[in-house]
Amino acid sequence: MGWFDGGDEQDERADAVGRRYAVAGRQLRCAHCGGEQFTGREVPLGSRTSTMLDTEWLAAGAFAMTCATCRAIQWFAVQPERLDA
């Protein structure tokens, strides 16, 4: 399902309430509420043309990180590093 899959029940519970992440060496904090727990997923950034031609797999993606506290979304071009291993 993506790079957020942990594979066990404990990871699934942590993903439901959020985890801590870092981007470019700095811990991710919510710009709205200052929260430190996030859930996230990779989002394809395709176009209608790539969908029509079935070439979405060639398109670059982004990473949408959702604050577990206030649900604000922050977008990143690089994959955030999970700090809670």
C-alpha atoms as a PDB file:
ATOM      1  CA  MET A   1       0.000   0.000   0.000  1.00  0.00           C
ATOM      2  CA  GLY A   2       2.964   2.332   0.139  1.00  0.00           C
ATOM      3  CA  TRP A   3       5.885   3.415   2.218  1.00  0.00           C
ATOM      4  CA  PHE A   4       3.729   3.987   5.334  1.00  0.00           C
ATOM      5  CA  ASP A   5       2.835   0.318   5.736  1.00  0.00           C
ATOM      6  CA  GLY A   6       4.333  -1.076   8.888  1.00  0.00           C
ATOM      7  CA  GLY A   7       3.167  -4.625   8.532  1.00  0.00           C
ATOM      8  CA  ASP A   8       2.048  -5.390  12.071  1.00  0.00           C
ATOM      9  CA  GLU A   9      -0.806  -4.482  14.401  1.00  0.00           C
ATOM     10  CA  GLN A  10       1.262  -2.143  16.576  1.00  0.00           C
ATOM     11  CA  ASP A  11       2.339  -0.154  13.503  1.00  0.00           C
ATOM     12  CA  GLU A  12      -1.277   0.060  12.315  1.00  0.00           C
ATOM     13  CA  ARG A  13      -2.369   1.535  15.674  1.00  0.00           C
ATOM     14  CA  ALA A  14       0.497   4.070  15.596  1.00  0.00           C
ATOM     15  CA  ASP A  15      -0.379   5.071  12.025  1.00  0.00           C
ATOM     16  CA  ALA A  16      -3.985   5.702  13.082  1.00  0.00           C
ATOM     17  CA  VAL A  17      -2.925   8.243  15.743  1.00  0.00           C
ATOM     18  CA  GLY A  18       0.158   9.529  13.956  1.00  0.00           C
ATOM     19  CA  ARG A  19       3.915   9.260  14.009  1.00  0.00           C
ATOM     20  CA  ARG A  20       6.807  11.701  14.159  1.00  0.00           C
ATOM     21  CA  TYR A  21       8.645  12.530  10.913  1.00  0.00           C
ATOM     22  CA  ALA A  22      11.580  14.659   9.758  1.00  0.00           C
ATOM     23  CA  VAL A  23      12.163  16.450   6.461  1.00  0.00           C
ATOM     24  CA  ALA A  24      15.590  17.810   5.474  1.00  0.00           C
ATOM     25  CA  GLY A  25      16.958  17.001   8.923  1.00  0.00           C
ATOM     26  CA  ARG A  26      14.272  18.899  10.869  1.00  0.00           C
ATOM     27  CA  GLN A  27      11.394  17.352  12.785  1.00  0.00           C
ATOM     28  CA  LEU A  28       8.093  17.992  11.055  1.00  0.00           C
ATOM     29  CA  ARG A  29       5.743  20.267  13.020  1.00  0.00           C
ATOM     30  CA  CYS A  30       2.305  21.409  12.007  1.00  0.00           C
ATOM     31  CA  ALA A  31       2.328  24.978  10.669  1.00  0.00           C
ATOM     32  CA  HIS A  32      -1.152  25.529  12.127  1.00  0.00           C
ATOM     33  CA  CYS A  33      -1.157  24.016  15.642  1.00  0.00           C
ATOM     34  CA  GLY A  34       2.458  22.967  16.244  1.00  0.00           C
ATOM     35  CA  GLY A  35       1.549  19.272  16.447  1.00  0.00           C
ATOM     36  CA  GLU A  36       4.283  16.669  16.008  1.00  0.00           C
ATOM     37  CA  GLN A  37       2.227  13.571  15.112  1.00  0.00           C
ATOM     38  CA  PHE A  38       1.326  12.960  11.456  1.00  0.00           C
ATOM     39  CA  THR A  39      -0.215  10.399   9.190  1.00  0.00           C
ATOM     40  CA  GLY A  40       0.738  10.462   5.563  1.00  0.00           C
ATOM     41  CA  ARG A  41       0.561   8.979   2.143  1.00  0.00           C
ATOM     42  CA  GLU A  42       2.166   9.254  -1.246  1.00  0.00           C
ATOM     43  CA  VAL A  43       0.004  11.073  -3.792  1.00  0.00           C
ATOM     44  CA  PRO A  44       0.560  10.806  -7.558  1.00  0.00           C
ATOM     45  CA  LEU A  45       0.731  14.138  -9.354  1.00  0.00           C
ATOM     46  CA  GLY A  46      -0.564  13.062 -12.725  1.00  0.00           C
ATOM     47  CA  SER A  47      -2.619  14.883 -15.283  1.00  0.00           C
ATOM     48  CA  ARG A  48      -5.752  14.064 -17.225  1.00  0.00           C
ATOM     49  CA  THR A  49      -3.602  13.223 -20.229  1.00  0.00           C
ATOM     50  CA  SER A  50      -1.423  10.792 -18.292  1.00  0.00           C
ATOM     51  CA  THR A  51      -4.568   9.158 -16.897  1.00  0.00           C
ATOM     52  CA  MET A  52      -6.075   8.843 -20.362  1.00  0.00           C
ATOM     53  CA  LEU A  53      -2.853   7.365 -21.779  1.00  0.00           C
ATOM     54  CA  ASP A  54      -2.343   5.115 -18.719  1.00  0.00           C
ATOM     55  CA  THR A  55       1.102   6.611 -18.018  1.00  0.00           C
ATOM     56  CA  GLU A  56       0.448   7.817 -14.463  1.00  0.00           C
ATOM     57  CA  TRP A  57       3.239   5.586 -13.214  1.00  0.00           C
ATOM     58  CA  LEU A  58       5.706   7.896 -14.998  1.00  0.00           C
ATOM     59  CA  ALA A  59       4.480  10.999 -13.155  1.00  0.00           C
ATOM     60  CA  ALA A  60       6.250  12.335 -10.104  1.00  0.00           C
ATOM     61  CA  GLY A  61       4.509  12.046  -6.768  1.00  0.00           C
ATOM     62  CA  ALA A  62       4.344  14.072  -3.591  1.00  0.00           C
ATOM     63  CA  PHE A  63       3.917  13.198   0.048  1.00  0.00           C
ATOM     64  CA  ALA A  64       0.887  14.555   1.921  1.00  0.00           C
ATOM     65  CA  MET A  65       1.410  14.679   5.670  1.00  0.00           C
ATOM     66  CA  THR A  66      -1.740  15.216   7.762  1.00  0.00           C
ATOM     67  CA  CYS A  67      -1.479  16.543  11.317  1.00  0.00           C
ATOM     68  CA  ALA A  68      -3.035  14.056  13.746  1.00  0.00           C
ATOM     69  CA  THR A  69      -4.230  16.931  15.972  1.00  0.00           C
ATOM     70  CA  CYS A  70      -5.884  19.476  13.672  1.00  0.00           C
ATOM     71  CA  ARG A  71      -5.909  17.564  10.338  1.00  0.00           C
ATOM     72  CA  ALA A  72      -4.009  20.307   8.433  1.00  0.00           C
ATOM     73  CA  ILE A  73      -2.118  18.936   5.409  1.00  0.00           C
ATOM     74  CA  GLN A  74       1.468  19.744   4.450  1.00  0.00           C
ATOM     75  CA  TRP A  75       2.952  18.664   1.098  1.00  0.00           C
ATOM     76  CA  PHE A  76       6.527  17.566   0.380  1.00  0.00           C
ATOM     77  CA  ALA A  77       8.408  16.622  -2.790  1.00  0.00           C
ATOM     78  CA  VAL A  78      10.698  14.283  -0.820  1.00  0.00           C
ATOM     79  CA  GLN A  79       9.743  11.325   1.344  1.00  0.00           C
ATOM     80  CA  PRO A  80       9.692  12.283   5.041  1.00  0.00           C
ATOM     81  CA  GLU A  81      11.872  10.178   7.343  1.00  0.00           C
ATOM     82  CA  ARG A  82       9.981   8.346  10.079  1.00  0.00           C
ATOM     83  CA  LEU A  83      11.449   9.078  13.525  1.00  0.00           C
ATOM     84  CA  ASP A  84       9.314   6.585  15.497  1.00  0.00           C
ATOM     85  CA  ALA A  85      10.863   3.332  14.408  1.00  0.00           C
END
